[in-house]
PDB file of N, CA and C in Angstrom:
ATOM      1  N   MET A   1     126.698 118.373 114.154  1.00  0.00           N
ATOM      2  CA  MET A   1     125.942 118.702 112.952  1.00  0.00           C
ATOM      3  C   MET A   1     124.833 117.676 112.760  1.00  0.00           C
ATOM      4  N   ILE A   2     123.632 118.160 112.531  1.00  0.00           N
ATOM      5  CA  ILE A   2     122.483 117.280 112.321  1.00  0.00           C
ATOM      6  C   ILE A   2     122.307 117.053 110.825  1.00  0.00           C
ATOM      7  N   GLY A   3     122.062 115.783 110.441  1.00  0.00           N
ATOM      8  CA  GLY A   3     121.842 115.458 109.042  1.00  0.00           C
ATOM      9  C   GLY A   3     120.431 115.804 108.607  1.00  0.00           C
ATOM     10  N   THR A   4     120.124 115.483 107.392  1.00  0.00           N
ATOM     11  CA  THR A   4     118.789 115.714 106.855  1.00  0.00           C
ATOM     12  C   THR A   4     117.779 114.885 107.644  1.00  0.00           C
ATOM     13  N   ILE A   5     116.645 115.471 107.919  1.00  0.00           N
ATOM     14  CA  ILE A   5     115.552 114.757 108.584  1.00  0.00           C
ATOM     15  C   ILE A   5     114.566 114.320 107.502  1.00  0.00           C
ATOM     16  N   TYR A   6     114.263 113.034 107.478  1.00  0.00           N
ATOM     17  CA  TYR A   6     113.298 112.488 106.522  1.00  0.00           C
ATOM     18  C   TYR A   6     112.019 112.163 107.269  1.00  0.00           C
ATOM     19  N   LYS A   7     110.879 112.296 106.581  1.00  0.00           N
ATOM     20  CA  LYS A   7     109.581 112.066 107.211  1.00  0.00           C
ATOM     21  C   LYS A   7     108.785 111.058 106.386  1.00  0.00           C
ATOM     22  N   CYS A   8     108.263 110.027 107.042  1.00  0.00           N
ATOM     23  CA  CYS A   8     107.438 109.028 106.363  1.00  0.00           C
ATOM     24  C   CYS A   8     106.157 109.693 105.866  1.00  0.00           C
ATOM     25  N   GLU A   9     105.812 109.426 104.622  1.00  0.00           N
ATOM     26  CA  GLU A   9     104.627 110.009 104.004  1.00  0.00           C
ATOM     27  C   GLU A   9     103.331 109.488 104.624  1.00  0.00           C
ATOM     28  N   ILE A  10     103.378 108.343 105.272  1.00  0.00           N
ATOM     29  CA  ILE A  10     102.153 107.742 105.819  1.00  0.00           C
ATOM     30  C   ILE A  10     101.973 108.102 107.290  1.00  0.00           C
ATOM     31  N   CYS A  11     102.942 107.793 108.126  1.00  0.00           N
ATOM     32  CA  CYS A  11     102.779 107.976 109.577  1.00  0.00           C
ATOM     33  C   CYS A  11     103.453 109.229 110.117  1.00  0.00           C
ATOM     34  N   ARG A  12     104.238 109.911 109.278  1.00  0.00           N
ATOM     35  CA  ARG A  12     104.938 111.146 109.637  1.00  0.00           C
ATOM     36  C   ARG A  12     106.107 110.933 110.603  1.00  0.00           C
ATOM     37  N   LEU A  13     106.515 109.673 110.837  1.00  0.00           N
ATOM     38  CA  LEU A  13     107.697 109.386 111.646  1.00  0.00           C
ATOM     39  C   LEU A  13     108.896 110.103 111.023  1.00  0.00           C
ATOM     40  N   GLU A  14     109.735 110.702 111.849  1.00  0.00           N
ATOM     41  CA  GLU A  14     110.912 111.414 111.363  1.00  0.00           C
ATOM     42  C   GLU A  14     112.187 110.689 111.770  1.00  0.00           C
ATOM     43  N   SER A  15     113.191 110.734 110.878  1.00  0.00           N
ATOM     44  CA  SER A  15     114.476 110.112 111.175  1.00  0.00           C
ATOM     45  C   SER A  15     115.584 110.813 110.406  1.00  0.00           C
ATOM     46  N   SER A  16     116.724 110.972 111.060  1.00  0.00           N
ATOM     47  CA  SER A  16     117.899 111.488 110.364  1.00  0.00           C
ATOM     48  C   SER A  16     118.827 110.334 109.954  1.00  0.00           C
ATOM     49  N   ALA A  17     118.482 109.116 110.389  1.00  0.00           N
ATOM     50  CA  ALA A  17     119.270 107.923 110.048  1.00  0.00           C
ATOM     51  C   ALA A  17     118.318 106.777 109.705  1.00  0.00           C
ATOM     52  N   PRO A  18     117.616 106.888 108.573  1.00  0.00           N
ATOM     53  CA  PRO A  18     116.647 105.861 108.205  1.00  0.00           C
ATOM     54  C   PRO A  18     117.280 104.494 107.994  1.00  0.00           C
ATOM     55  N   VAL A  19     116.673 103.482 108.566  1.00  0.00           N
ATOM     56  CA  VAL A  19     117.108 102.099 108.401  1.00  0.00           C
ATOM     57  C   VAL A  19     115.893 101.321 107.915  1.00  0.00           C
ATOM     58  N   ARG A  20     116.072 100.543 106.876  1.00  0.00           N
ATOM     59  CA  ARG A  20     114.984  99.762 106.269  1.00  0.00           C
ATOM     60  C   ARG A  20     113.871 100.647 105.711  1.00  0.00           C
ATOM     61  N   TRP A  21     114.189 101.870 105.369  1.00  0.00           N
ATOM     62  CA  TRP A  21     113.228 102.768 104.744  1.00  0.00           C
ATOM     63  C   TRP A  21     113.260 102.545 103.233  1.00  0.00           C
ATOM     64  N   PHE A  22     112.255 103.105 102.543  1.00  0.00           N
ATOM     65  CA  PHE A  22     112.154 103.020 101.097  1.00  0.00           C
ATOM     66  C   PHE A  22     111.937 104.412 100.521  1.00  0.00           C
ATOM     67  N   VAL A  23     112.358 104.578  99.287  1.00  0.00           N
ATOM     68  CA  VAL A  23     112.157 105.820  98.541  1.00  0.00           C
ATOM     69  C   VAL A  23     111.329 105.467  97.317  1.00  0.00           C
ATOM     70  N   ILE A  24     110.339 106.305  97.030  1.00  0.00           N
ATOM     71  CA  ILE A  24     109.517 106.095  95.838  1.00  0.00           C
ATOM     72  C   ILE A  24     109.519 107.382  95.022  1.00  0.00           C
ATOM     73  N   HIS A  25     109.721 107.208  93.712  1.00  0.00           N
ATOM     74  CA  HIS A  25     109.573 108.300  92.752  1.00  0.00           C
ATOM     75  C   HIS A  25     108.384 107.894  91.890  1.00  0.00           C
ATOM     76  N   CYS A  26     107.458 108.815  91.666  1.00  0.00           N
ATOM     77  CA  CYS A  26     106.296 108.429  90.867  1.00  0.00           C
ATOM     78  C   CYS A  26     105.841 109.557  89.955  1.00  0.00           C
ATOM     79  N   SER A  27     105.092 109.153  88.947  1.00  0.00           N
ATOM     80  CA  SER A  27     104.406 110.061  88.036  1.00  0.00           C
ATOM     81  C   SER A  27     103.078 109.388  87.711  1.00  0.00           C
ATOM     82  N   ASP A  28     102.333 109.964  86.799  1.00  0.00           N
ATOM     83  CA  ASP A  28     101.045 109.364  86.433  1.00  0.00           C
ATOM     84  C   ASP A  28     101.192 107.968  85.848  1.00  0.00           C
ATOM     85  N   SER A  29     102.324 107.701  85.184  1.00  0.00           N
ATOM     86  CA  SER A  29     102.448 106.417  84.486  1.00  0.00           C
ATOM     87  C   SER A  29     103.614 105.555  84.955  1.00  0.00           C
ATOM     88  N   LYS A  30     104.401 106.050  85.908  1.00  0.00           N
ATOM     89  CA  LYS A  30     105.597 105.308  86.303  1.00  0.00           C
ATOM     90  C   LYS A  30     105.803 105.385  87.809  1.00  0.00           C
ATOM     91  N   LEU A  31     106.257 104.270  88.370  1.00  0.00           N
ATOM     92  CA  LEU A  31     106.543 104.192  89.799  1.00  0.00           C
ATOM     93  C   LEU A  31     107.926 103.570  89.950  1.00  0.00           C
ATOM     94  N   GLY A  32     108.829 104.249  90.643  1.00  0.00           N
ATOM     95  CA  GLY A  32     110.161 103.721  90.901  1.00  0.00           C
ATOM     96  C   GLY A  32     110.322 103.506  92.402  1.00  0.00           C
ATOM     97  N   ILE A  33     110.708 102.302  92.808  1.00  0.00           N
ATOM     98  CA  ILE A  33     110.832 101.950  94.216  1.00  0.00           C
ATOM     99  C   ILE A  33     112.292 101.591  94.497  1.00  0.00           C
ATOM    100  N   PHE A  34     112.857 102.191  95.541  1.00  0.00           N
ATOM    101  CA  PHE A  34     114.264 101.983  95.882  1.00  0.00           C
ATOM    102  C   PHE A  34     114.396 101.619  97.354  1.00  0.00           C
ATOM    103  N   LYS A  35     115.252 100.636  97.668  1.00  0.00           N
ATOM    104  CA  LYS A  35     115.676 100.481  99.055  1.00  0.00           C
ATOM    105  C   LYS A  35     116.385 101.784  99.400  1.00  0.00           C
ATOM    106  N   TRP A  36     116.452 102.109 100.680  1.00  0.00           N
ATOM    107  CA  TRP A  36     116.971 103.411 101.072  1.00  0.00           C
ATOM    108  C   TRP A  36     118.312 103.713 100.422  1.00  0.00           C
ATOM    109  N   ASP A  37     118.364 104.861  99.766  1.00  0.00           N
ATOM    110  CA  ASP A  37     119.561 105.344  99.093  1.00  0.00           C
ATOM    111  C   ASP A  37     119.531 106.861  99.230  1.00  0.00           C
ATOM    112  N   PRO A  38     120.468 107.451  99.974  1.00  0.00           N
ATOM    113  CA  PRO A  38     120.444 108.896 100.185  1.00  0.00           C
ATOM    114  C   PRO A  38     120.406 109.709  98.888  1.00  0.00           C
ATOM    115  N   ALA A  39     121.081 109.233  97.853  1.00  0.00           N
ATOM    116  CA  ALA A  39     121.077 109.956  96.578  1.00  0.00           C
ATOM    117  C   ALA A  39     119.663 110.001  95.994  1.00  0.00           C
ATOM    118  N   GLU A  40     118.936 108.889  96.075  1.00  0.00           N
ATOM    119  CA  GLU A  40     117.556 108.858  95.586  1.00  0.00           C
ATOM    120  C   GLU A  40     116.626 109.636  96.518  1.00  0.00           C
ATOM    121  N   ALA A  41     116.870 109.521  97.820  1.00  0.00           N
ATOM    122  CA  ALA A  41     116.027 110.180  98.820  1.00  0.00           C
ATOM    123  C   ALA A  41     116.089 111.697  98.720  1.00  0.00           C
ATOM    124  N   ASP A  42     117.231 112.223  98.298  1.00  0.00           N
ATOM    125  CA  ASP A  42     117.407 113.667  98.234  1.00  0.00           C
ATOM    126  C   ASP A  42     116.981 114.286  96.901  1.00  0.00           C
ATOM    127  N   LYS A  43     116.535 113.476  95.963  1.00  0.00           N
ATOM    128  CA  LYS A  43     116.077 114.022  94.676  1.00  0.00           C
ATOM    129  C   LYS A  43     114.753 114.755  94.874  1.00  0.00           C
ATOM    130  N   PRO A  44     114.519 115.781  94.051  1.00  0.00           N
ATOM    131  CA  PRO A  44     113.241 116.504  94.147  1.00  0.00           C
ATOM    132  C   PRO A  44     112.070 115.544  93.949  1.00  0.00           C
ATOM    133  N   HIS A  45     111.041 115.736  94.692  1.00  0.00           N
ATOM    134  CA  HIS A  45     109.793 114.960  94.607  1.00  0.00           C
ATOM    135  C   HIS A  45     109.919 113.522  95.096  1.00  0.00           C
ATOM    136  N   ALA A  46     111.049 113.151  95.715  1.00  0.00           N
ATOM    137  CA  ALA A  46     111.188 111.805  96.285  1.00  0.00           C
ATOM    138  C   ALA A  46     110.233 111.685  97.468  1.00  0.00           C
ATOM    139  N   LEU A  47     109.634 110.520  97.606  1.00  0.00           N
ATOM    140  CA  LEU A  47     108.745 110.228  98.726  1.00  0.00           C
ATOM    141  C   LEU A  47     109.439 109.219  99.622  1.00  0.00           C
ATOM    142  N   HIS A  48     109.282 109.372 100.933  1.00  0.00           N
ATOM    143  CA  HIS A  48     110.004 108.553 101.901  1.00  0.00           C
ATOM    144  C   HIS A  48     109.025 107.735 102.740  1.00  0.00           C
ATOM    145  N   PHE A  49     109.385 106.466 103.001  1.00  0.00           N
ATOM    146  CA  PHE A  49     108.513 105.554 103.742  1.00  0.00           C
ATOM    147  C   PHE A  49     109.337 104.786 104.763  1.00  0.00           C
ATOM    148  N   CYS A  50     108.824 104.715 106.002  1.00  0.00           N
ATOM    149  CA  CYS A  50     109.591 104.158 107.123  1.00  0.00           C
ATOM    150  C   CYS A  50     109.700 102.637 107.105  1.00  0.00           C
ATOM    151  N   GLY A  51     109.053 101.978 106.177  1.00  0.00           N
ATOM    152  CA  GLY A  51     109.166 100.527 106.082  1.00  0.00           C
ATOM    153  C   GLY A  51     108.345  99.990 104.928  1.00  0.00           C
ATOM    154  N   GLU A  52     108.445  98.691 104.737  1.00  0.00           N
ATOM    155  CA  GLU A  52     107.759  98.037 103.628  1.00  0.00           C
ATOM    156  C   GLU A  52     106.250  98.236 103.693  1.00  0.00           C
ATOM    157  N   GLY A  53     105.675  98.125 104.894  1.00  0.00           N
ATOM    158  CA  GLY A  53     104.227  98.254 105.045  1.00  0.00           C
ATOM    159  C   GLY A  53     103.712  99.596 104.567  1.00  0.00           C
ATOM    160  N   HIS A  54     104.381 100.675 104.929  1.00  0.00           N
ATOM    161  CA  HIS A  54     103.918 101.998 104.522  1.00  0.00           C
ATOM    162  C   HIS A  54     104.205 102.257 103.048  1.00  0.00           C
ATOM    163  N   ALA A  55     105.271 101.686 102.511  1.00  0.00           N
ATOM    164  CA  ALA A  55     105.510 101.782 101.072  1.00  0.00           C
ATOM    165  C   ALA A  55     104.386 101.065 100.322  1.00  0.00           C
ATOM    166  N   GLN A  56     103.946  99.909 100.839  1.00  0.00           N
ATOM    167  CA  GLN A  56     102.858  99.164 100.200  1.00  0.00           C
ATOM    168  C   GLN A  56     101.546  99.942 100.231  1.00  0.00           C
ATOM    169  N   VAL A  57     101.285 100.641 101.325  1.00  0.00           N
ATOM    170  CA  VAL A  57     100.077 101.472 101.408  1.00  0.00           C
ATOM    171  C   VAL A  57     100.095 102.497 100.280  1.00  0.00           C
ATOM    172  N   TYR A  58     101.224 103.167 100.108  1.00  0.00           N
ATOM    173  CA  TYR A  58     101.325 104.174  99.051  1.00  0.00           C
ATOM    174  C   TYR A  58     101.152 103.554  97.666  1.00  0.00           C
ATOM    175  N   ILE A  59     101.809 102.419  97.434  1.00  0.00           N
ATOM    176  CA  ILE A  59     101.719 101.753  96.132  1.00  0.00           C
ATOM    177  C   ILE A  59     100.275 101.376  95.826  1.00  0.00           C
ATOM    178  N   SER A  60      99.561 100.845  96.808  1.00  0.00           N
ATOM    179  CA  SER A  60      98.147 100.492  96.601  1.00  0.00           C
ATOM    180  C   SER A  60      97.321 101.717  96.246  1.00  0.00           C
ATOM    181  N   ARG A  61      97.557 102.821  96.938  1.00  0.00           N
ATOM    182  CA  ARG A  61      96.824 104.059  96.647  1.00  0.00           C
ATOM    183  C   ARG A  61      97.157 104.568  95.256  1.00  0.00           C
ATOM    184  N   TRP A  62      98.414 104.423  94.852  1.00  0.00           N
ATOM    185  CA  TRP A  62      98.827 104.855  93.509  1.00  0.00           C
ATOM    186  C   TRP A  62      98.092 104.049  92.441  1.00  0.00           C
ATOM    187  N   PHE A  63      98.028 102.716  92.625  1.00  0.00           N
ATOM    188  CA  PHE A  63      97.308 101.881  91.667  1.00  0.00           C
ATOM    189  C   PHE A  63      95.839 102.264  91.602  1.00  0.00           C
ATOM    190  N   GLU A  64      95.217 102.498  92.735  1.00  0.00           N
ATOM    191  CA  GLU A  64      93.801 102.875  92.770  1.00  0.00           C
ATOM    192  C   GLU A  64      93.559 104.191  92.051  1.00  0.00           C
ATOM    193  N   SER A  65      94.453 105.147  92.202  1.00  0.00           N
ATOM    194  CA  SER A  65      94.213 106.465  91.626  1.00  0.00           C
ATOM    195  C   SER A  65      94.590 106.568  90.150  1.00  0.00           C
ATOM    196  N   PHE A  66      95.545 105.755  89.673  1.00  0.00           N
ATOM    197  CA  PHE A  66      96.001 105.903  88.296  1.00  0.00           C
ATOM    198  C   PHE A  66      95.580 104.776  87.356  1.00  0.00           C
ATOM    199  N   CYS A  67      95.092 103.690  87.898  1.00  0.00           N
ATOM    200  CA  CYS A  67      94.753 102.572  87.015  1.00  0.00           C
ATOM    201  C   CYS A  67      93.293 102.588  86.585  1.00  0.00           C
ATOM    202  N   GLY A  68      92.489 103.450  87.142  1.00  0.00           N
ATOM    203  CA  GLY A  68      91.100 103.550  86.720  1.00  0.00           C
ATOM    204  C   GLY A  68      90.258 102.383  87.205  1.00  0.00           C
ATOM    205  N   SER A  69      89.100 102.234  86.608  1.00  0.00           N
ATOM    206  CA  SER A  69      88.156 101.205  87.000  1.00  0.00           C
ATOM    207  C   SER A  69      88.622  99.837  86.563  1.00  0.00           C
ATOM    208  N   PRO A  70      88.319  98.812  87.374  1.00  0.00           N
ATOM    209  CA  PRO A  70      88.679  97.447  86.943  1.00  0.00           C
ATOM    210  C   PRO A  70      87.863  97.022  85.736  1.00  0.00           C
ATOM    211  N   VAL A  71      88.458  96.139  84.943  1.00  0.00           N
ATOM    212  CA  VAL A  71      87.782  95.624  83.747  1.00  0.00           C
ATOM    213  C   VAL A  71      86.661  94.709  84.182  1.00  0.00           C
ATOM    214  N   MET A  72      85.498  94.861  83.599  1.00  0.00           N
ATOM    215  CA  MET A  72      84.353  93.999  83.925  1.00  0.00           C
ATOM    216  C   MET A  72      84.628  92.605  83.371  1.00  0.00           C
ATOM    217  N   SER A  73      84.204  91.569  84.087  1.00  0.00           N
ATOM    218  CA  SER A  73      84.416  90.212  83.581  1.00  0.00           C
ATOM    219  C   SER A  73      83.589  90.027  82.326  1.00  0.00           C
ATOM    220  N   GLY A  74      84.152  89.341  81.362  1.00  0.00           N
ATOM    221  CA  GLY A  74      83.480  89.115  80.084  1.00  0.00           C
ATOM    222  C   GLY A  74      83.801  90.200  79.063  1.00  0.00           C
ATOM    223  N   SER A  75      84.494  91.269  79.464  1.00  0.00           N
ATOM    224  CA  SER A  75      84.861  92.335  78.522  1.00  0.00           C
ATOM    225  C   SER A  75      86.003  91.875  77.651  1.00  0.00           C
ATOM    226  N   LYS A  76      86.101  92.443  76.475  1.00  0.00           N
ATOM    227  CA  LYS A  76      87.213  92.122  75.580  1.00  0.00           C
ATOM    228  C   LYS A  76      88.089  93.310  75.403  1.00  0.00           C
TER     229      LYS A  76
END
């Protein structure tokens, strides 16, 4: 019997036995990051990442898309 196949959101690597992977749940205002946990990984809308580096890529993109423009220096 083959288990669930998970796919990294960044590089598309597939694994049925993820090791050192991360799960991210996100919305417009909230980001939840989990070390690999099958219960979290199997939740609807869970995102899967094959390692810390690819999780960081996603987190950076999330900040860029939801945090808007940086504050200008001297602004109050």
